[in-house]
C-alpha atoms as a PDB file:
ATOM      1  CA  MET A   1     -12.713 150.179 255.716  1.00  0.00           C
ATOM      2  CA  THR A   2     -12.625 151.357 252.119  1.00  0.00           C
ATOM      3  CA  GLN A   3     -11.782 154.984 251.549  1.00  0.00           C
ATOM      4  CA  LYS A   4     -14.453 157.274 250.102  1.00  0.00           C
ATOM      5  CA  ILE A   5     -13.780 158.714 246.656  1.00  0.00           C
ATOM      6  CA  PRO A   6     -14.624 162.431 246.556  1.00  0.00           C
ATOM      7  CA  MET A   7     -16.276 163.638 243.357  1.00  0.00           C
ATOM      8  CA  THR A   8     -18.771 166.128 242.061  1.00  0.00           C
ATOM      9  CA  GLN A   9     -22.266 165.127 240.971  1.00  0.00           C
ATOM     10  CA  THR A  10     -21.102 165.603 237.371  1.00  0.00           C
ATOM     11  CA  GLY A  11     -18.214 163.187 237.899  1.00  0.00           C
ATOM     12  CA  TYR A  12     -20.552 160.640 239.485  1.00  0.00           C
ATOM     13  CA  ASP A  13     -23.002 160.966 236.604  1.00  0.00           C
ATOM     14  CA  LYS A  14     -20.224 160.388 234.042  1.00  0.00           C
ATOM     15  CA  LEU A  15     -19.101 157.195 235.793  1.00  0.00           C
ATOM     16  CA  LYS A  16     -22.727 156.023 235.963  1.00  0.00           C
ATOM     17  CA  GLN A  17     -23.190 156.706 232.235  1.00  0.00           C
ATOM     18  CA  GLU A  18     -20.037 154.757 231.430  1.00  0.00           C
ATOM     19  CA  LEU A  19     -21.252 151.823 233.540  1.00  0.00           C
ATOM     20  CA  ASP A  20     -24.667 151.934 231.843  1.00  0.00           C
ATOM     21  CA  ARG A  21     -22.994 151.970 228.401  1.00  0.00           C
ATOM     22  CA  ILE A  22     -20.897 148.923 229.275  1.00  0.00           C
ATOM     23  CA  VAL A  23     -23.867 146.999 230.705  1.00  0.00           C
ATOM     24  CA  LYS A  24     -26.507 147.970 228.128  1.00  0.00           C
ATOM     25  CA  VAL A  25     -24.454 148.302 224.932  1.00  0.00           C
ATOM     26  CA  GLU A  26     -20.932 146.887 225.059  1.00  0.00           C
ATOM     27  CA  ARG A  27     -21.692 143.603 226.833  1.00  0.00           C
ATOM     28  CA  GLY A  28     -24.634 142.845 224.535  1.00  0.00           C
ATOM     29  CA  LYS A  29     -22.496 143.491 221.466  1.00  0.00           C
ATOM     30  CA  ASN A  30     -19.735 141.341 222.936  1.00  0.00           C
ATOM     31  CA  ILE A  31     -22.140 138.447 223.575  1.00  0.00           C
ATOM     32  CA  ARG A  32     -23.287 138.637 219.939  1.00  0.00           C
ATOM     33  CA  ASP A  33     -19.628 138.644 218.816  1.00  0.00           C
ATOM     34  CA  ILE A  34     -18.953 135.507 220.890  1.00  0.00           C
ATOM     35  CA  GLU A  35     -22.030 133.744 219.479  1.00  0.00           C
ATOM     36  CA  GLU A  36     -21.071 134.699 215.926  1.00  0.00           C
ATOM     37  CA  ALA A  37     -17.496 133.488 216.411  1.00  0.00           C
ATOM     38  CA  ARG A  38     -18.782 130.221 217.944  1.00  0.00           C
ATOM     39  CA  ALA A  39     -20.855 129.637 214.831  1.00  0.00           C
ATOM     40  CA  HIS A  40     -17.647 129.484 212.781  1.00  0.00           C
ATOM     41  CA  GLY A  41     -16.856 126.090 214.278  1.00  0.00           C
ATOM     42  CA  ASP A  42     -13.583 124.891 215.844  1.00  0.00           C
ATOM     43  CA  LEU A  43     -12.936 127.181 218.826  1.00  0.00           C
ATOM     44  CA  SER A  44      -9.338 126.063 219.401  1.00  0.00           C
ATOM     45  CA  GLU A  45      -8.052 128.052 216.420  1.00  0.00           C
ATOM     46  CA  ASN A  46     -10.799 130.650 216.228  1.00  0.00           C
ATOM     47  CA  ALA A  47      -9.081 134.038 216.682  1.00  0.00           C
ATOM     48  CA  GLU A  48     -12.389 135.941 216.595  1.00  0.00           C
ATOM     49  CA  TYR A  49     -13.737 133.822 219.446  1.00  0.00           C
ATOM     50  CA  HIS A  50     -10.624 134.261 221.588  1.00  0.00           C
ATOM     51  CA  ALA A  51     -10.575 138.026 220.934  1.00  0.00           C
ATOM     52  CA  ALA A  52     -14.257 138.309 221.891  1.00  0.00           C
ATOM     53  CA  LYS A  53     -13.709 136.282 225.083  1.00  0.00           C
ATOM     54  CA  GLU A  54     -10.730 138.482 225.985  1.00  0.00           C
ATOM     55  CA  ARG A  55     -12.863 141.578 225.377  1.00  0.00           C
ATOM     56  CA  GLN A  56     -15.520 140.064 227.658  1.00  0.00           C
ATOM     57  CA  GLY A  57     -12.928 139.791 230.432  1.00  0.00           C
ATOM     58  CA  HIS A  58     -11.900 143.431 229.955  1.00  0.00           C
ATOM     59  CA  LEU A  59     -15.530 144.592 230.003  1.00  0.00           C
ATOM     60  CA  ASP A  60     -16.291 142.604 233.162  1.00  0.00           C
ATOM     61  CA  ALA A  61     -13.208 144.043 234.889  1.00  0.00           C
ATOM     62  CA  LYS A  62     -14.156 147.603 233.870  1.00  0.00           C
ATOM     63  CA  LYS A  63     -17.732 147.025 235.066  1.00  0.00           C
ATOM     64  CA  ARG A  64     -16.497 145.830 238.489  1.00  0.00           C
ATOM     65  CA  GLU A  65     -14.104 148.804 238.735  1.00  0.00           C
ATOM     66  CA  LEU A  66     -16.881 151.311 237.971  1.00  0.00           C
ATOM     67  CA  GLU A  67     -19.293 149.630 240.392  1.00  0.00           C
ATOM     68  CA  GLN A  68     -16.607 149.838 243.112  1.00  0.00           C
ATOM     69  CA  LYS A  69     -15.977 153.543 242.455  1.00  0.00           C
ATOM     70  CA  LEU A  70     -19.678 154.366 242.443  1.00  0.00           C
ATOM     71  CA  ALA A  71     -20.261 152.378 245.640  1.00  0.00           C
ATOM     72  CA  HIS A  72     -17.536 154.356 247.421  1.00  0.00           C
ATOM     73  CA  ALA A  73     -18.280 157.747 245.876  1.00  0.00           C
ATOM     74  CA  GLN A  74     -18.654 160.691 248.200  1.00  0.00           C
ATOM     75  CA  ILE A  75     -20.524 163.348 246.259  1.00  0.00           C
ATOM     76  CA  ILE A  76     -19.460 166.830 247.303  1.00  0.00           C
ATOM     77  CA  ASP A  77     -22.177 169.464 246.904  1.00  0.00           C
ATOM     78  CA  VAL A  78     -20.075 172.395 245.727  1.00  0.00           C
ATOM     79  CA  SER A  79     -23.059 174.754 245.945  1.00  0.00           C
ATOM     80  CA  LYS A  80     -22.689 174.652 249.751  1.00  0.00           C
ATOM     81  CA  LEU A  81     -19.040 175.712 249.720  1.00  0.00           C
ATOM     82  CA  THR A  82     -17.648 179.212 250.168  1.00  0.00           C
ATOM     83  CA  ASN A  83     -14.747 180.872 248.403  1.00  0.00           C
ATOM     84  CA  GLU A  84     -12.969 181.869 251.623  1.00  0.00           C
ATOM     85  CA  LYS A  85     -10.275 179.241 251.161  1.00  0.00           C
ATOM     86  CA  VAL A  86      -9.225 176.600 248.655  1.00  0.00           C
ATOM     87  CA  VAL A  87     -11.368 173.468 248.982  1.00  0.00           C
ATOM     88  CA  PHE A  88     -12.577 170.595 246.812  1.00  0.00           C
ATOM     89  CA  GLY A  89     -14.503 172.020 243.857  1.00  0.00           C
ATOM     90  CA  ALA A  90     -12.820 175.442 243.984  1.00  0.00           C
ATOM     91  CA  THR A  91     -11.380 177.059 240.882  1.00  0.00           C
ATOM     92  CA  VAL A  92      -8.149 178.783 241.841  1.00  0.00           C
ATOM     93  CA  THR A  93      -6.344 181.483 239.870  1.00  0.00           C
ATOM     94  CA  LEU A  94      -2.599 181.462 240.558  1.00  0.00           C
ATOM     95  CA  ALA A  95       0.136 183.894 239.544  1.00  0.00           C
ATOM     96  CA  ASP A  96       3.751 182.718 239.364  1.00  0.00           C
ATOM     97  CA  THR A  97       5.578 185.143 241.696  1.00  0.00           C
ATOM     98  CA  GLU A  98       8.688 185.035 239.502  1.00  0.00           C
ATOM     99  CA  SER A  99       7.352 185.177 235.942  1.00  0.00           C
ATOM    100  CA  GLY A 100       3.887 186.598 236.547  1.00  0.00           C
ATOM    101  CA  SER A 101       2.296 183.889 234.395  1.00  0.00           C
ATOM    102  CA  VAL A 102      -1.241 183.032 235.441  1.00  0.00           C
ATOM    103  CA  LYS A 103      -2.768 179.558 235.728  1.00  0.00           C
ATOM    104  CA  LYS A 104      -6.265 178.487 236.644  1.00  0.00           C
ATOM    105  CA  TYR A 105      -7.095 175.083 238.144  1.00  0.00           C
ATOM    106  CA  THR A 106     -10.232 173.447 239.485  1.00  0.00           C
ATOM    107  CA  LEU A 107      -9.682 170.959 242.322  1.00  0.00           C
ATOM    108  CA  VAL A 108     -11.595 167.739 241.736  1.00  0.00           C
ATOM    109  CA  GLY A 109     -11.408 164.074 242.680  1.00  0.00           C
ATOM    110  CA  GLN A 110      -8.908 161.790 241.007  1.00  0.00           C
ATOM    111  CA  GLU A 111     -11.627 160.315 238.762  1.00  0.00           C
ATOM    112  CA  GLU A 112     -12.412 163.725 237.275  1.00  0.00           C
ATOM    113  CA  ALA A 113      -8.877 165.090 236.909  1.00  0.00           C
ATOM    114  CA  ASP A 114      -8.018 166.246 233.375  1.00  0.00           C
ATOM    115  CA  LEU A 115      -5.118 168.671 233.074  1.00  0.00           C
ATOM    116  CA  LYS A 116      -6.165 169.663 229.537  1.00  0.00           C
ATOM    117  CA  LEU A 117      -9.397 171.001 231.038  1.00  0.00           C
ATOM    118  CA  GLY A 118      -7.608 172.607 233.988  1.00  0.00           C
ATOM    119  CA  LYS A 119      -8.985 170.028 236.436  1.00  0.00           C
ATOM    120  CA  ILE A 120      -6.433 168.686 238.903  1.00  0.00           C
ATOM    121  CA  SER A 121      -6.830 166.086 241.608  1.00  0.00           C
ATOM    122  CA  ILE A 122      -7.116 167.384 245.129  1.00  0.00           C
ATOM    123  CA  GLN A 123      -4.714 164.524 246.004  1.00  0.00           C
ATOM    124  CA  SER A 124      -2.063 165.715 243.526  1.00  0.00           C
ATOM    125  CA  PRO A 125       1.000 167.570 244.858  1.00  0.00           C
ATOM    126  CA  VAL A 126      -0.368 170.872 243.514  1.00  0.00           C
ATOM    127  CA  GLY A 127      -3.849 170.176 244.895  1.00  0.00           C
ATOM    128  CA  LYS A 128      -2.478 169.271 248.325  1.00  0.00           C
ATOM    129  CA  ALA A 129      -0.329 172.413 248.387  1.00  0.00           C
ATOM    130  CA  LEU A 130      -3.313 174.669 247.621  1.00  0.00           C
ATOM    131  CA  VAL A 131      -5.902 173.259 250.045  1.00  0.00           C
ATOM    132  CA  SER A 132      -6.917 175.554 252.912  1.00  0.00           C
ATOM    133  CA  HIS A 133      -5.037 178.594 251.575  1.00  0.00           C
ATOM    134  CA  LYS A 134      -6.718 181.959 250.997  1.00  0.00           C
ATOM    135  CA  VAL A 135      -6.549 184.750 248.423  1.00  0.00           C
ATOM    136  CA  GLY A 136      -3.230 186.558 248.800  1.00  0.00           C
ATOM    137  CA  ASP A 137      -1.391 183.539 250.209  1.00  0.00           C
ATOM    138  CA  VAL A 138       1.862 182.541 248.529  1.00  0.00           C
ATOM    139  CA  VAL A 139       2.101 178.789 248.071  1.00  0.00           C
ATOM    140  CA  THR A 140       5.310 176.891 247.357  1.00  0.00           C
ATOM    141  CA  ILE A 141       4.845 173.974 244.978  1.00  0.00           C
ATOM    142  CA  LYS A 142       7.625 171.480 244.369  1.00  0.00           C
ATOM    143  CA  THR A 143       7.564 169.926 240.913  1.00  0.00           C
ATOM    144  CA  PRO A 144       9.966 167.290 239.593  1.00  0.00           C
ATOM    145  CA  VAL A 145      11.765 170.035 237.657  1.00  0.00           C
ATOM    146  CA  LYS A 146      11.791 172.980 240.073  1.00  0.00           C
ATOM    147  CA  THR A 147      10.144 174.702 242.999  1.00  0.00           C
ATOM    148  CA  VAL A 148       7.639 177.406 242.078  1.00  0.00           C
ATOM    149  CA  GLU A 149       5.891 179.987 244.218  1.00  0.00           C
ATOM    150  CA  TYR A 150       2.371 181.040 243.292  1.00  0.00           C
ATOM    151  CA  GLU A 151       0.207 183.746 244.761  1.00  0.00           C
ATOM    152  CA  ILE A 152      -3.460 182.840 245.011  1.00  0.00           C
ATOM    153  CA  GLN A 153      -5.282 185.632 243.192  1.00  0.00           C
ATOM    154  CA  GLU A 154      -8.843 184.343 243.178  1.00  0.00           C
ATOM    155  CA  ILE A 155     -10.930 181.475 244.512  1.00  0.00           C
ATOM    156  CA  GLU A 156     -14.224 180.698 242.798  1.00  0.00           C
ATOM    157  CA  ILE A 157     -16.797 178.049 243.558  1.00  0.00           C
ATOM    158  CA  ALA A 158     -18.397 176.941 240.310  1.00  0.00           C
ATOM    159  CA  ILE A 159     -21.933 175.740 240.860  1.00  0.00           C
ATOM    160  CA  GLU A 160     -22.681 172.826 238.556  1.00  0.00           C
END
């Protein structure tokens, strides 16, 4: 059985938009590029044709990948969650117990993770360490460089 891919409705919608763009825009443009390159004659030495065919293969692979992800998506309705403990969709404020520095992360599915935006995968080492903890808990997180202890200061559930 294939594993479900947890994501928010926003994450699902972004994947769907990307799939629609590939199907409705990119593939049509690629087909025109192939036809145009074919019109130039001899295909054996036609770099434009070979590049367009290669692009077609990449687009088809990306389309299949997105269809697979969407078919196995498990949309989590974050509006039904509480902020009693760290769960998927929670935004967690952490304070380094040693330095006092504060970080804020939102736990999302792997498809939505973007560290620049403060979104980390619930399957990441940090995400796994935080799940099920409550405000006031001290969590030990092992990174490749060092082990850090964070105190959970706040748990918010952001409603999309």
